Amino acid sequence: MSEFDYIIVGAGSAGCVLANRLTEDGAHSVLLIEAGKDDRSLFIRMPTALSIPMSTPRFNWGYWGAAEPGLEGRKMDCARGKVLGGSSAINGMVYVRGHAQDFDSWVEQGAEGWSYADCLPYFRRAERWMSGADDYRGGEGPLDTCNGNRMRNPLYQAFVDAGCDAGYGSTPDYNGFRQEGFGPMHMTVRHGERCSTDLAYLKPARKRSNLTLVTRAEVERLVLSGDRVTGVQYRSKGKTVTASARREVVVSAGSVGSPLLLQRSGIGPAAVLEAAGVEVRHDLPGVGENLQDHLEVYFQYRCRQPITVNGHLDWFSKLRIGVRWILTKSGLGATNHFESCGFIRSRAGLSAPDIQYHFMPAAIRYDGRAAFDGHGFQVHVGPNKPESRGHVRITGPGAGDDPEILFNYLATEQDRQDWRNCLRLTREILQQPALDAYRAEEIQPAIDLADDAAIDSWVRQNVETAYHPSCSCRMGAADDLGAVVDPQCRVRGLQGLRVVDSSIFPIIPNGNLNAPTIMVAERAADLIRGKTPERQEARVWEAPDWQTQQRMGQPLRPVAVGPPPATQ
């Protein structure tokens, strides 16, 4: 048996951060256990190749969701990273912190000490922003963030201008003072290379003698003695190994992996554990519940001008892009192609955005193939504040037993209405004058948006996951029976155990999840070390008259709800 001060389960977006911070003073020994490999594949490193690692089995746990009642029984892919860096090594590299109100809402849910003012110093601590530090952005952190190729393709700016034409306004930095409107989108890229938490945090920590890293090792269960977690049991090279923690075990296996590990260890809802044949060690009803995710669809159009990425998808163009990237870390290989975006409110009465846009100067599928012949562009869009809640549950006692992952998408009428609003507002934006020189035929959805039933049917058949599972071990007040961890990230009712990853979010943020996950780990590292948490007050923009107005201005070209306009 080996013994360490801290054991961290999972070397993903949170685990790599913790491994770095908990070893930086040299005072404590840390064991970091990762089921995946230490893999610096070219396809992970090259931003434009983002579709490849997500679909490659050796980088991905390969989870699938259960048949979704709200999606006509469709099953959703639930890709999760199984490699150093976790999902930060296979994601789309989009850097979105979420709106300030997201974190203030966490406090309302019982997560005391997690307001925007509490979180902002840790966003800044993590980040090295390409334009340097200011009151909102960090300039000296491990994680590099930038705007890719700085929107050199004119379609990026045309999309931003279309958002302004529609009455929403622009923002120079949605992670700064104004977190609403249209503008450049940011990504985790360093000198043209994906900046995962493996590269940003773990690589510099690996040379420290007080960090032990074990890869290709799956933790089977936590070891309990009474109400205290004393270590972990994991499988490595065909052998079962037990490691002991003098201080704490920190589970950072993600929103699927963390609740599954707790449940396999006898920590979770008694009925779920008993049905799976697991002895109940600690009845904790919230483990695996409250699961949330973002959905999205593509609006796709043919482009009148031959300026899109679709013109670079033949094998020779890909070879040329790859060679340039290998030699110079520049060009189309150095970007995820999401270089402009938008955040809007779907209806009056909302004080913060609930719809997010990712714009891409290509009409392309998640697998990297062209959506149709010729040039095109697309917008990824979806509501970011779903009411629907699902669950993650074990179905058997073994680590190899397939879990039940049910998101329960579109279970509420408000979620369905949000999608109706979303599609109608999106077509209006994309029909504004700023895009006239580029926009041709609407490829999808290409339906009559006057018909609620038609919208609902199309969404059920075409919506895709944004790969943002979260909230399955939610944080809450100490007396909240549905909470799994307290505001210190400690598992309720147990000693020596914390959970630190996106599973502890009480409510899913308005945006992509990598940035807030890294922030949570940065702040949790201070809590674990007994440091006084930092706090920074900072004002953020709020739309005037949000109580009565959905947007600030009127669209230059109001689009009648109905069939897509005919191509001129």
Protein backbone atom coordinates (compact mmCIF):
# COMPACT_ATOMS: atom_id res chain seq x y z
CA MET A 1 0.00 0.00 0.00
CA SER A 2 1.24 3.49 -0.89
CA GLU A 3 0.38 6.59 1.12
CA PHE A 4 0.01 10.22 0.08
CA ASP A 5 -1.32 13.41 1.60
CA TYR A 6 -3.85 13.87 -1.19
CA ILE A 7 -5.22 11.55 -3.86
CA ILE A 8 -6.86 13.11 -6.91
CA VAL A 9 -9.06 10.91 -9.09
CA GLY A 10 -9.04 12.13 -12.69
CA ALA A 11 -6.47 14.22 -14.57
CA GLY A 12 -9.00 16.29 -16.48
CA SER A 13 -9.98 19.95 -16.55
CA ALA A 14 -10.17 20.12 -12.73
CA GLY A 15 -7.75 17.38 -11.69
CA CYS A 16 -4.75 18.86 -13.53
CA VAL A 17 -5.39 22.24 -11.88
CA LEU A 18 -5.54 20.64 -8.43
CA ALA A 19 -2.40 18.59 -9.04
CA ASN A 20 -0.50 21.76 -9.89
CA ARG A 21 -1.79 23.91 -7.04
CA LEU A 22 -1.60 21.27 -4.30
CA THR A 23 2.05 20.52 -5.12
CA GLU A 24 3.39 24.00 -5.84
CA ASP A 25 4.63 24.72 -2.30
CA GLY A 26 6.31 21.30 -1.96
CA ALA A 27 4.72 20.69 1.44
CA HIS A 28 2.39 17.82 0.50
CA SER A 29 2.58 14.64 -1.54
CA VAL A 30 -0.08 14.10 -4.20
CA LEU A 31 -1.13 11.03 -6.19
CA LEU A 32 -2.95 11.81 -9.45
CA ILE A 33 -4.73 8.85 -11.06
CA GLU A 34 -5.95 8.94 -14.67
CA ALA A 35 -7.72 6.16 -16.57
CA GLY A 36 -6.49 7.43 -19.93
CA LYS A 37 -3.07 7.75 -21.49
CA ASP A 38 -0.38 10.37 -21.56
CA ASP A 39 -1.00 11.19 -25.20
CA ARG A 40 0.31 14.22 -27.06
CA SER A 41 -1.29 13.25 -30.36
CA LEU A 42 -1.05 15.73 -33.22
CA PHE A 43 -4.84 15.56 -33.50
CA ILE A 44 -5.21 16.73 -29.90
CA ARG A 45 -2.66 19.49 -30.31
CA MET A 46 -3.94 20.90 -33.63
CA PRO A 47 -7.00 23.12 -33.02
CA THR A 48 -8.61 22.57 -36.42
CA ALA A 49 -8.57 18.78 -35.85
CA LEU A 50 -10.99 19.08 -32.92
CA SER A 51 -13.51 16.61 -34.40
CA ILE A 52 -10.95 13.77 -34.42
CA PRO A 53 -10.07 13.27 -30.72
CA MET A 54 -13.72 13.55 -29.72
CA SER A 55 -14.55 10.60 -31.99
CA THR A 56 -11.43 8.54 -31.26
CA PRO A 57 -12.07 5.70 -28.77
CA ARG A 58 -8.68 5.89 -27.07
CA PHE A 59 -9.38 9.52 -26.05
CA ASN A 60 -13.05 9.10 -25.15
CA TRP A 61 -14.95 7.09 -22.52
CA GLY A 62 -17.59 6.34 -25.15
CA TYR A 63 -20.63 7.00 -22.98
CA TRP A 64 -24.09 7.09 -24.57
CA GLY A 65 -27.27 8.40 -23.06
CA ALA A 66 -30.49 6.45 -22.66
CA ALA A 67 -33.42 6.84 -25.04
CA GLU A 68 -34.74 10.37 -24.49
CA PRO A 69 -38.55 10.61 -24.21
CA GLY A 70 -38.48 14.26 -25.29
CA LEU A 71 -36.43 13.48 -28.41
CA GLU A 72 -38.60 10.68 -29.82
CA GLY A 73 -36.41 8.05 -28.18
CA ARG A 74 -33.14 9.27 -29.66
CA LYS A 75 -29.94 8.44 -27.76
CA MET A 76 -27.28 11.13 -27.38
CA ASP A 77 -23.55 10.74 -27.54
CA CYS A 78 -21.93 11.73 -24.24
CA ALA A 79 -18.26 12.04 -25.16
CA ARG A 80 -15.95 12.53 -22.14
CA GLY A 81 -12.19 12.83 -22.25
CA LYS A 82 -10.14 9.75 -21.31
CA VAL A 83 -6.64 11.19 -21.61
CA LEU A 84 -4.45 13.61 -19.67
CA GLY A 85 -6.34 16.89 -19.75
CA GLY A 86 -9.68 15.06 -19.83
CA SER A 87 -12.34 16.81 -21.84
CA SER A 88 -10.10 19.89 -22.21
CA ALA A 89 -8.03 17.68 -24.56
CA ILE A 90 -10.96 16.75 -26.83
CA ASN A 91 -13.34 19.72 -26.60
CA GLY A 92 -13.90 22.61 -29.01
CA MET A 93 -11.51 24.89 -27.03
CA VAL A 94 -14.17 27.60 -26.66
CA TYR A 95 -13.46 29.83 -23.66
CA VAL A 96 -16.65 31.17 -22.09
CA ARG A 97 -16.81 31.89 -18.38
CA GLY A 98 -20.57 32.31 -18.15
CA HIS A 99 -22.50 35.38 -17.06
CA ALA A 100 -21.91 37.02 -13.69
CA GLN A 101 -25.50 36.24 -12.73
CA ASP A 102 -24.84 32.51 -13.18
CA PHE A 103 -22.57 32.52 -10.16
CA ASP A 104 -24.77 34.81 -8.12
CA SER A 105 -27.53 32.26 -8.73
CA TRP A 106 -25.27 29.57 -7.26
CA VAL A 107 -25.33 31.48 -3.98
CA GLU A 108 -29.13 31.59 -4.16
CA GLN A 109 -28.99 27.78 -4.42
CA GLY A 110 -27.02 27.55 -1.18
CA ALA A 111 -23.46 27.68 -2.55
CA GLU A 112 -22.31 30.42 -0.20
CA GLY A 113 -19.01 31.99 -1.27
CA TRP A 114 -19.44 31.27 -4.98
CA SER A 115 -20.82 34.58 -6.22
CA TYR A 116 -19.31 36.32 -9.23
CA ALA A 117 -17.19 38.45 -6.94
CA ASP A 118 -15.89 35.26 -5.29
CA CYS A 119 -15.18 33.55 -8.61
CA LEU A 120 -13.68 36.40 -10.63
CA PRO A 121 -10.22 36.32 -8.94
CA TYR A 122 -9.91 32.64 -9.86
CA PHE A 123 -10.91 33.18 -13.47
CA ARG A 124 -8.18 35.80 -13.59
CA ARG A 125 -5.64 33.63 -11.74
CA ALA A 126 -6.07 30.84 -14.30
CA GLU A 127 -5.78 32.94 -17.43
CA ARG A 128 -3.13 34.42 -19.70
CA TRP A 129 -5.29 36.55 -22.03
CA MET A 130 -3.71 37.62 -25.32
CA SER A 131 -4.39 41.31 -24.62
CA GLY A 132 -3.02 41.25 -21.09
CA ALA A 133 -4.62 41.71 -17.70
CA ASP A 134 -7.37 44.15 -16.77
CA ASP A 135 -10.07 44.25 -14.08
CA TYR A 136 -11.74 41.20 -15.63
CA ARG A 137 -9.05 39.27 -17.50
CA GLY A 138 -5.89 37.57 -16.27
CA GLY A 139 -2.50 38.13 -17.85
CA GLU A 140 -0.09 35.79 -16.08
CA GLY A 141 -1.99 32.53 -15.51
CA PRO A 142 -1.17 29.08 -16.92
CA LEU A 143 -4.09 28.94 -19.38
CA ASP A 144 -3.58 30.81 -22.65
CA THR A 145 -6.66 32.36 -24.26
CA CYS A 146 -6.94 34.22 -27.57
CA ASN A 147 -9.15 34.94 -30.57
CA GLY A 148 -7.50 32.47 -32.93
CA ASN A 149 -6.79 34.14 -36.25
CA ARG A 150 -8.48 37.41 -35.16
CA MET A 151 -11.51 37.03 -37.45
CA ARG A 152 -9.60 37.40 -40.71
CA ASN A 153 -12.44 35.83 -42.67
CA PRO A 154 -14.98 38.63 -43.39
CA LEU A 155 -17.89 36.34 -42.51
CA TYR A 156 -17.00 36.59 -38.80
CA GLN A 157 -17.50 40.36 -38.73
CA ALA A 158 -20.57 40.10 -40.96
CA PHE A 159 -22.20 37.88 -38.36
CA VAL A 160 -21.38 40.36 -35.58
CA ASP A 161 -22.78 43.17 -37.72
CA ALA A 162 -25.94 41.14 -38.37
CA GLY A 163 -26.46 40.87 -34.62
CA CYS A 164 -26.15 44.64 -34.37
CA ASP A 165 -28.54 45.09 -37.31
CA ALA A 166 -31.04 42.97 -35.35
CA GLY A 167 -30.91 45.36 -32.40
CA TYR A 168 -28.64 43.51 -29.97
CA GLY A 169 -25.46 45.53 -29.97
CA SER A 170 -21.86 44.37 -29.79
CA THR A 171 -19.34 43.62 -27.09
CA PRO A 172 -15.55 43.70 -27.40
CA ASP A 173 -15.21 41.09 -24.64
CA TYR A 174 -18.08 38.90 -23.45
CA ASN A 175 -15.82 37.67 -20.62
CA GLY A 176 -15.33 41.24 -19.43
CA PHE A 177 -17.63 44.12 -18.50
CA ARG A 178 -20.33 43.55 -21.14
CA GLN A 179 -21.35 39.89 -21.19
CA GLU A 180 -24.18 40.32 -23.71
CA GLY A 181 -24.15 41.07 -27.43
CA PHE A 182 -22.10 40.01 -30.47
CA GLY A 183 -18.34 40.01 -30.86
CA PRO A 184 -15.13 37.98 -31.10
CA MET A 185 -15.09 34.52 -29.53
CA HIS A 186 -12.21 33.27 -27.41
CA MET A 187 -10.43 29.95 -27.36
CA THR A 188 -7.86 28.07 -25.26
CA VAL A 189 -4.99 28.10 -27.75
CA ARG A 190 -1.29 28.78 -27.05
CA HIS A 191 0.92 29.77 -29.98
CA GLY A 192 -1.37 27.94 -32.39
CA GLU A 193 -1.68 24.79 -30.23
CA ARG A 194 -4.54 23.52 -28.04
CA CYS A 195 -3.94 24.69 -24.48
CA SER A 196 -5.48 21.87 -22.44
CA THR A 197 -5.10 21.68 -18.68
CA ASP A 198 -2.52 18.97 -19.31
CA LEU A 199 -0.34 21.50 -21.16
CA ALA A 200 -1.20 24.49 -18.96
CA TYR A 201 -1.13 22.94 -15.49
CA LEU A 202 0.11 19.36 -15.41
CA LYS A 203 3.17 19.64 -17.64
CA PRO A 204 4.95 22.18 -15.40
CA ALA A 205 3.96 20.21 -12.26
CA ARG A 206 5.23 16.82 -13.45
CA LYS A 207 8.86 17.64 -12.66
CA ARG A 208 7.98 18.10 -8.96
CA SER A 209 9.08 15.25 -6.72
CA ASN A 210 5.94 15.46 -4.57
CA LEU A 211 3.62 14.62 -7.49
CA THR A 212 3.07 10.99 -8.50
CA LEU A 213 1.14 10.45 -11.73
CA VAL A 214 -0.38 7.08 -12.59
CA THR A 215 -2.01 6.67 -16.01
CA ARG A 216 -4.06 3.84 -17.53
CA ALA A 217 -5.46 3.17 -14.09
CA GLU A 218 -9.17 3.14 -13.37
CA VAL A 219 -10.35 3.77 -9.82
CA GLU A 220 -12.84 1.05 -8.96
CA ARG A 221 -14.01 2.38 -5.62
CA LEU A 222 -13.26 4.64 -2.67
CA VAL A 223 -12.08 3.00 0.55
CA LEU A 224 -14.19 3.88 3.61
CA SER A 225 -13.58 3.36 7.29
CA GLY A 226 -16.79 4.31 9.06
CA ASP A 227 -17.71 7.79 7.84
CA ARG A 228 -14.20 8.59 6.61
CA VAL A 229 -12.76 8.01 3.14
CA THR A 230 -9.21 6.78 3.66
CA GLY A 231 -8.08 6.03 0.14
CA VAL A 232 -8.88 4.47 -3.23
CA GLN A 233 -8.72 1.09 -4.89
CA TYR A 234 -7.68 1.14 -8.53
CA ARG A 235 -6.78 -1.27 -11.31
CA SER A 236 -3.42 -0.89 -12.99
CA LYS A 237 -1.59 -3.30 -15.30
CA GLY A 238 -3.99 -6.08 -14.38
CA LYS A 239 -3.46 -5.69 -10.65
CA THR A 240 -5.61 -4.17 -7.91
CA VAL A 241 -3.78 -1.45 -5.99
CA THR A 242 -4.85 0.36 -2.82
CA ALA A 243 -3.55 3.85 -2.09
CA SER A 244 -4.11 5.66 1.18
CA ALA A 245 -4.72 9.37 1.73
CA ARG A 246 -3.45 10.94 4.94
CA ARG A 247 -5.55 14.07 4.38
CA GLU A 248 -8.17 13.82 1.64
CA VAL A 249 -9.34 12.12 -1.52
CA VAL A 250 -10.54 14.54 -4.19
CA VAL A 251 -12.78 13.12 -6.91
CA SER A 252 -12.43 15.02 -10.19
CA ALA A 253 -13.74 12.43 -12.63
CA GLY A 254 -16.31 14.72 -14.27
CA SER A 255 -20.08 14.95 -14.33
CA VAL A 256 -20.45 11.33 -15.41
CA GLY A 257 -17.43 9.72 -13.77
CA SER A 258 -17.69 11.36 -10.34
CA PRO A 259 -21.24 10.28 -9.47
CA LEU A 260 -20.54 6.80 -10.85
CA LEU A 261 -17.47 6.40 -8.63
CA LEU A 262 -19.36 7.60 -5.56
CA GLN A 263 -22.22 5.20 -6.30
CA ARG A 264 -19.90 2.22 -6.90
CA SER A 265 -18.39 3.01 -3.49
CA GLY A 266 -21.78 2.83 -1.77
CA ILE A 267 -22.32 6.60 -1.64
CA GLY A 268 -25.56 7.71 -3.25
CA PRO A 269 -29.33 7.13 -3.34
CA ALA A 270 -30.04 3.92 -1.45
CA ALA A 271 -32.58 2.65 -3.98
CA VAL A 272 -30.15 3.12 -6.89
CA LEU A 273 -27.33 1.37 -5.06
CA GLU A 274 -29.49 -1.56 -3.96
CA ALA A 275 -30.87 -2.05 -7.46
CA ALA A 276 -27.29 -2.21 -8.76
CA GLY A 277 -26.19 -4.72 -6.12
CA VAL A 278 -23.99 -2.27 -4.19
CA GLU A 279 -23.87 -2.16 -0.39
CA VAL A 280 -25.15 1.18 0.92
CA ARG A 281 -22.36 2.83 2.91
CA HIS A 282 -23.78 6.36 2.91
CA ASP A 283 -27.30 7.18 1.72
CA LEU A 284 -26.92 10.47 -0.17
CA PRO A 285 -29.96 11.09 -2.42
CA GLY A 286 -28.44 13.78 -4.65
CA VAL A 287 -25.55 11.76 -6.10
CA GLY A 288 -26.15 11.47 -9.83
CA GLU A 289 -29.31 13.61 -9.81
CA ASN A 290 -29.82 17.17 -11.14
CA LEU A 291 -27.98 16.34 -14.40
CA GLN A 292 -28.07 19.23 -16.88
CA ASP A 293 -26.78 19.81 -20.40
CA HIS A 294 -26.97 22.26 -23.29
CA LEU A 295 -28.52 21.36 -26.61
CA GLU A 296 -27.85 23.05 -29.92
CA VAL A 297 -28.84 23.03 -33.57
CA TYR A 298 -27.13 24.29 -36.71
CA PHE A 299 -28.53 27.02 -38.92
CA GLN A 300 -26.81 26.40 -42.25
CA TYR A 301 -26.72 28.56 -45.38
CA ARG A 302 -25.07 28.39 -48.75
CA CYS A 303 -22.55 31.16 -49.24
CA ARG A 304 -22.50 33.36 -52.35
CA GLN A 305 -18.74 33.88 -52.16
CA PRO A 306 -16.03 31.19 -52.25
CA ILE A 307 -14.47 32.27 -48.96
CA THR A 308 -15.50 29.53 -46.53
CA VAL A 309 -13.63 26.63 -44.96
CA ASN A 310 -15.64 24.30 -47.21
CA GLY A 311 -13.13 25.17 -49.92
CA HIS A 312 -10.35 23.58 -47.88
CA LEU A 313 -11.79 20.14 -47.11
CA ASP A 314 -10.19 18.18 -49.97
CA TRP A 315 -7.19 16.03 -49.09
CA PHE A 316 -4.62 18.32 -50.72
CA SER A 317 -5.89 21.41 -48.89
CA LYS A 318 -5.91 19.53 -45.61
CA LEU A 319 -2.32 18.41 -46.25
CA ARG A 320 -1.26 21.97 -46.97
CA ILE A 321 -2.99 23.26 -43.82
CA GLY A 322 -1.37 20.50 -41.76
CA VAL A 323 2.13 21.13 -43.11
CA ARG A 324 1.85 24.86 -42.47
CA TRP A 325 0.64 24.21 -38.93
CA ILE A 326 3.46 21.74 -38.22
CA LEU A 327 6.06 24.19 -39.49
CA THR A 328 4.68 27.50 -38.21
CA LYS A 329 1.70 26.78 -35.88
CA SER A 330 -0.32 29.26 -37.95
CA GLY A 331 -3.08 29.41 -40.56
CA LEU A 332 -6.35 27.49 -40.58
CA GLY A 333 -4.78 24.71 -38.51
CA ALA A 334 -4.32 27.08 -35.55
CA THR A 335 -7.99 27.87 -34.94
CA ASN A 336 -11.16 26.04 -33.93
CA HIS A 337 -12.98 28.27 -36.48
CA PHE A 338 -15.37 29.62 -33.83
CA GLU A 339 -14.03 33.18 -33.93
CA SER A 340 -17.23 35.20 -33.49
CA CYS A 341 -20.27 34.67 -31.33
CA GLY A 342 -23.28 36.18 -29.65
CA PHE A 343 -25.22 36.12 -26.38
CA ILE A 344 -28.82 37.36 -26.33
CA ARG A 345 -31.93 37.28 -24.18
CA SER A 346 -34.82 35.27 -25.60
CA ARG A 347 -37.58 37.35 -24.04
CA ALA A 348 -38.31 40.43 -21.99
CA GLY A 349 -38.00 39.97 -18.25
CA LEU A 350 -34.61 38.26 -18.39
CA SER A 351 -31.76 40.33 -17.01
CA ALA A 352 -29.03 38.11 -18.51
CA PRO A 353 -28.60 36.21 -21.80
CA ASP A 354 -29.99 32.71 -22.20
CA ILE A 355 -29.16 32.01 -25.87
CA GLN A 356 -25.62 31.49 -27.19
CA TYR A 357 -24.28 31.59 -30.77
CA HIS A 358 -21.09 30.06 -32.14
CA PHE A 359 -20.44 31.23 -35.72
CA MET A 360 -18.35 29.22 -38.16
CA PRO A 361 -17.43 30.20 -41.77
CA ALA A 362 -18.15 26.63 -42.88
CA ALA A 363 -21.09 24.29 -43.21
CA ILE A 364 -19.65 21.25 -41.57
CA ARG A 365 -20.67 18.34 -39.34
CA TYR A 366 -19.19 17.37 -35.97
CA ASP A 367 -17.23 14.61 -37.70
CA GLY A 368 -15.45 17.21 -39.81
CA ARG A 369 -17.21 16.39 -43.10
CA ALA A 370 -18.91 18.93 -45.32
CA ALA A 371 -22.64 19.27 -44.77
CA PHE A 372 -23.24 19.73 -48.53
CA ASP A 373 -21.33 20.43 -51.73
CA GLY A 374 -20.11 23.97 -52.27
CA HIS A 375 -19.49 26.87 -49.89
CA GLY A 376 -21.55 27.54 -46.80
CA PHE A 377 -21.58 28.87 -43.26
CA GLN A 378 -23.38 27.91 -40.08
CA VAL A 379 -24.35 29.07 -36.63
CA HIS A 380 -24.51 26.73 -33.64
CA VAL A 381 -27.27 27.97 -31.36
CA GLY A 382 -29.32 26.88 -28.40
CA PRO A 383 -30.92 28.03 -25.13
CA ASN A 384 -28.49 27.87 -22.24
CA LYS A 385 -30.81 27.76 -19.23
CA PRO A 386 -32.80 24.51 -19.43
CA GLU A 387 -35.28 23.63 -16.71
CA SER A 388 -35.13 19.89 -17.44
CA ARG A 389 -33.18 17.67 -15.06
CA GLY A 390 -31.83 14.16 -15.57
CA HIS A 391 -29.62 11.65 -13.80
CA VAL A 392 -26.51 9.45 -13.92
CA ARG A 393 -26.89 6.02 -12.28
CA ILE A 394 -24.89 2.83 -12.03
CA THR A 395 -26.56 -0.34 -13.30
CA GLY A 396 -24.15 -2.78 -11.67
CA PRO A 397 -21.32 -2.87 -9.13
CA GLY A 398 -18.41 -3.01 -11.57
CA ALA A 399 -16.51 -0.18 -13.22
CA GLY A 400 -17.19 -1.82 -16.59
CA ASP A 401 -21.00 -1.82 -16.21
CA ASP A 402 -22.64 0.66 -18.57
CA PRO A 403 -24.26 3.54 -16.67
CA GLU A 404 -27.75 4.90 -17.20
CA ILE A 405 -27.43 8.50 -18.38
CA LEU A 406 -30.78 10.20 -18.90
CA PHE A 407 -30.82 13.97 -19.51
CA ASN A 408 -34.61 14.21 -19.79
CA TYR A 409 -34.26 16.87 -22.49
CA LEU A 410 -37.20 19.18 -23.31
CA ALA A 411 -39.24 17.87 -20.40
CA THR A 412 -40.85 21.24 -19.59
CA GLU A 413 -43.03 23.57 -21.62
CA GLN A 414 -40.65 26.47 -20.93
CA ASP A 415 -37.77 24.51 -22.48
CA ARG A 416 -39.85 23.88 -25.59
CA GLN A 417 -40.93 27.53 -25.77
CA ASP A 418 -37.32 28.64 -25.41
CA TRP A 419 -36.49 26.66 -28.52
CA ARG A 420 -39.35 28.25 -30.47
CA ASN A 421 -38.09 31.68 -29.48
CA CYS A 422 -34.53 30.66 -30.30
CA LEU A 423 -35.24 29.54 -33.86
CA ARG A 424 -37.36 32.55 -34.69
CA LEU A 425 -34.86 35.06 -33.33
CA THR A 426 -31.99 33.30 -35.06
CA ARG A 427 -33.54 33.41 -38.52
CA GLU A 428 -34.24 37.10 -38.01
CA ILE A 429 -30.58 37.74 -37.16
CA LEU A 430 -29.32 35.78 -40.15
CA GLN A 431 -31.62 37.66 -42.52
CA GLN A 432 -30.19 41.09 -41.64
CA PRO A 433 -28.54 43.31 -44.31
CA ALA A 434 -25.01 42.71 -43.00
CA LEU A 435 -25.12 39.17 -44.42
CA ASP A 436 -26.78 39.99 -47.76
CA ALA A 437 -23.51 39.79 -49.71
CA TYR A 438 -22.86 36.26 -48.44
CA ARG A 439 -26.17 34.57 -47.64
CA ALA A 440 -27.85 32.33 -50.17
CA GLU A 441 -30.25 29.41 -49.65
CA GLU A 442 -31.13 28.31 -46.11
CA ILE A 443 -30.25 24.62 -45.91
CA GLN A 444 -31.58 24.06 -42.41
CA PRO A 445 -33.88 24.29 -40.61
CA ALA A 446 -35.70 25.50 -43.75
CA ILE A 447 -39.11 25.06 -42.11
CA ASP A 448 -42.13 27.24 -41.47
CA LEU A 449 -41.37 28.94 -38.16
CA ALA A 450 -44.95 30.14 -37.77
CA ASP A 451 -45.95 26.64 -36.73
CA ASP A 452 -45.08 25.70 -33.12
CA ALA A 453 -45.71 22.02 -33.85
CA ALA A 454 -43.35 22.09 -36.85
CA ILE A 455 -40.62 23.72 -34.74
CA ASP A 456 -41.08 21.23 -31.92
CA SER A 457 -40.91 18.29 -34.31
CA TRP A 458 -37.81 19.59 -36.10
CA VAL A 459 -36.02 20.28 -32.82
CA ARG A 460 -36.78 16.81 -31.46
CA GLN A 461 -35.35 15.22 -34.62
CA ASN A 462 -32.32 17.47 -35.18
CA VAL A 463 -31.11 18.83 -31.87
CA GLU A 464 -27.65 17.71 -30.74
CA THR A 465 -25.85 17.81 -27.43
CA ALA A 466 -23.31 20.60 -26.91
CA TYR A 467 -21.36 18.13 -24.72
CA HIS A 468 -21.90 20.08 -21.51
CA PRO A 469 -23.06 17.50 -18.91
CA SER A 470 -22.92 19.03 -15.44
CA CYS A 471 -24.48 19.47 -12.00
CA SER A 472 -24.77 15.76 -11.09
CA CYS A 473 -23.15 16.18 -7.62
CA ARG A 474 -24.46 19.64 -6.96
CA MET A 475 -23.19 22.01 -4.33
CA GLY A 476 -25.58 23.42 -1.73
CA ALA A 477 -26.09 24.42 1.87
CA ALA A 478 -25.04 22.02 4.60
CA ASP A 479 -28.68 21.29 5.47
CA ASP A 480 -29.80 20.80 1.84
CA LEU A 481 -30.72 17.11 1.59
CA GLY A 482 -30.44 17.22 -2.21
CA ALA A 483 -26.92 18.64 -2.21
CA VAL A 484 -23.93 16.32 -2.52
CA VAL A 485 -21.18 18.72 -1.47
CA ASP A 486 -21.13 21.77 0.77
CA PRO A 487 -19.64 25.14 -0.32
CA GLN A 488 -16.21 23.80 0.68
CA CYS A 489 -16.66 20.99 -1.89
CA ARG A 490 -16.81 18.42 0.96
CA VAL A 491 -19.18 15.49 0.52
CA ARG A 492 -22.03 15.82 3.01
CA GLY A 493 -21.87 13.40 5.93
CA LEU A 494 -18.37 12.07 5.20
CA GLN A 495 -14.85 12.99 6.20
CA GLY A 496 -11.81 13.13 3.96
CA LEU A 497 -13.70 13.37 0.65
CA ARG A 498 -14.34 16.24 -1.76
CA VAL A 499 -15.66 16.48 -5.29
CA VAL A 500 -14.18 19.17 -7.52
CA ASP A 501 -15.32 19.37 -11.14
CA SER A 502 -18.33 20.47 -13.21
CA SER A 503 -20.55 17.97 -11.41
CA ILE A 504 -20.74 20.29 -8.37
CA PHE A 505 -22.27 23.22 -10.30
CA PRO A 506 -25.71 23.88 -8.80
CA ILE A 507 -27.01 25.29 -12.12
CA ILE A 508 -25.42 25.07 -15.55
CA PRO A 509 -23.75 28.35 -16.59
CA ASN A 510 -24.61 30.40 -19.66
CA GLY A 511 -21.87 29.09 -21.90
CA ASN A 512 -19.26 26.39 -22.40
CA LEU A 513 -18.04 24.58 -19.29
CA ASN A 514 -14.25 24.36 -19.48
CA ALA A 515 -13.57 27.86 -18.13
CA PRO A 516 -15.87 27.60 -15.07
CA THR A 517 -14.58 24.09 -14.33
CA ILE A 518 -11.01 25.38 -14.22
CA MET A 519 -12.15 28.29 -12.04
CA VAL A 520 -13.87 25.91 -9.60
CA ALA A 521 -10.66 23.89 -9.28
CA GLU A 522 -8.56 27.02 -8.73
CA ARG A 523 -10.82 28.19 -5.91
CA ALA A 524 -11.18 24.69 -4.45
CA ALA A 525 -7.38 24.43 -4.27
CA ASP A 526 -7.36 27.43 -1.93
CA LEU A 527 -10.14 25.90 0.17
CA ILE A 528 -8.28 22.58 0.44
CA ARG A 529 -5.08 24.35 1.48
CA GLY A 530 -6.91 26.38 4.10
CA LYS A 531 -6.17 29.70 2.42
CA THR A 532 -8.52 32.65 2.77
CA PRO A 533 -10.41 32.80 -0.54
CA GLU A 534 -9.93 35.87 -2.68
CA ARG A 535 -12.77 38.19 -3.63
CA GLN A 536 -13.06 41.02 -6.16
CA GLU A 537 -16.04 43.24 -6.80
CA ALA A 538 -16.56 44.14 -10.44
CA ARG A 539 -19.53 45.73 -12.13
CA VAL A 540 -21.02 44.11 -15.25
CA TRP A 541 -23.27 45.62 -17.89
CA GLU A 542 -27.02 45.16 -17.68
CA ALA A 543 -29.37 46.01 -20.52
CA PRO A 544 -31.58 49.01 -19.81
CA ASP A 545 -35.28 48.24 -19.67
CA TRP A 546 -34.66 44.50 -19.61
CA GLN A 547 -37.87 44.09 -17.66
CA THR A 548 -39.92 45.17 -20.67
CA GLN A 549 -37.63 44.79 -23.71
CA GLN A 550 -36.09 41.67 -25.23
CA ARG A 551 -33.34 43.74 -26.92
CA MET A 552 -32.15 47.33 -27.01
CA GLY A 553 -33.12 48.28 -30.56
CA GLN A 554 -35.40 47.31 -33.43
CA PRO A 555 -34.12 45.10 -36.25
CA LEU A 556 -33.30 46.83 -39.50
CA ARG A 557 -35.14 44.06 -41.30
CA PRO A 558 -37.91 42.44 -39.26
CA VAL A 559 -38.42 38.95 -40.60
CA ALA A 560 -41.96 37.69 -40.75
CA VAL A 561 -42.34 34.38 -38.99
CA GLY A 562 -42.96 31.77 -41.63
CA PRO A 563 -41.07 29.88 -44.33
CA PRO A 564 -37.44 30.83 -45.03
CA PRO A 565 -37.17 33.84 -47.34
CA ALA A 566 -36.58 33.00 -50.99
CA THR A 567 -33.00 33.35 -52.22
CA GLN A 568 -32.54 36.44 -54.32
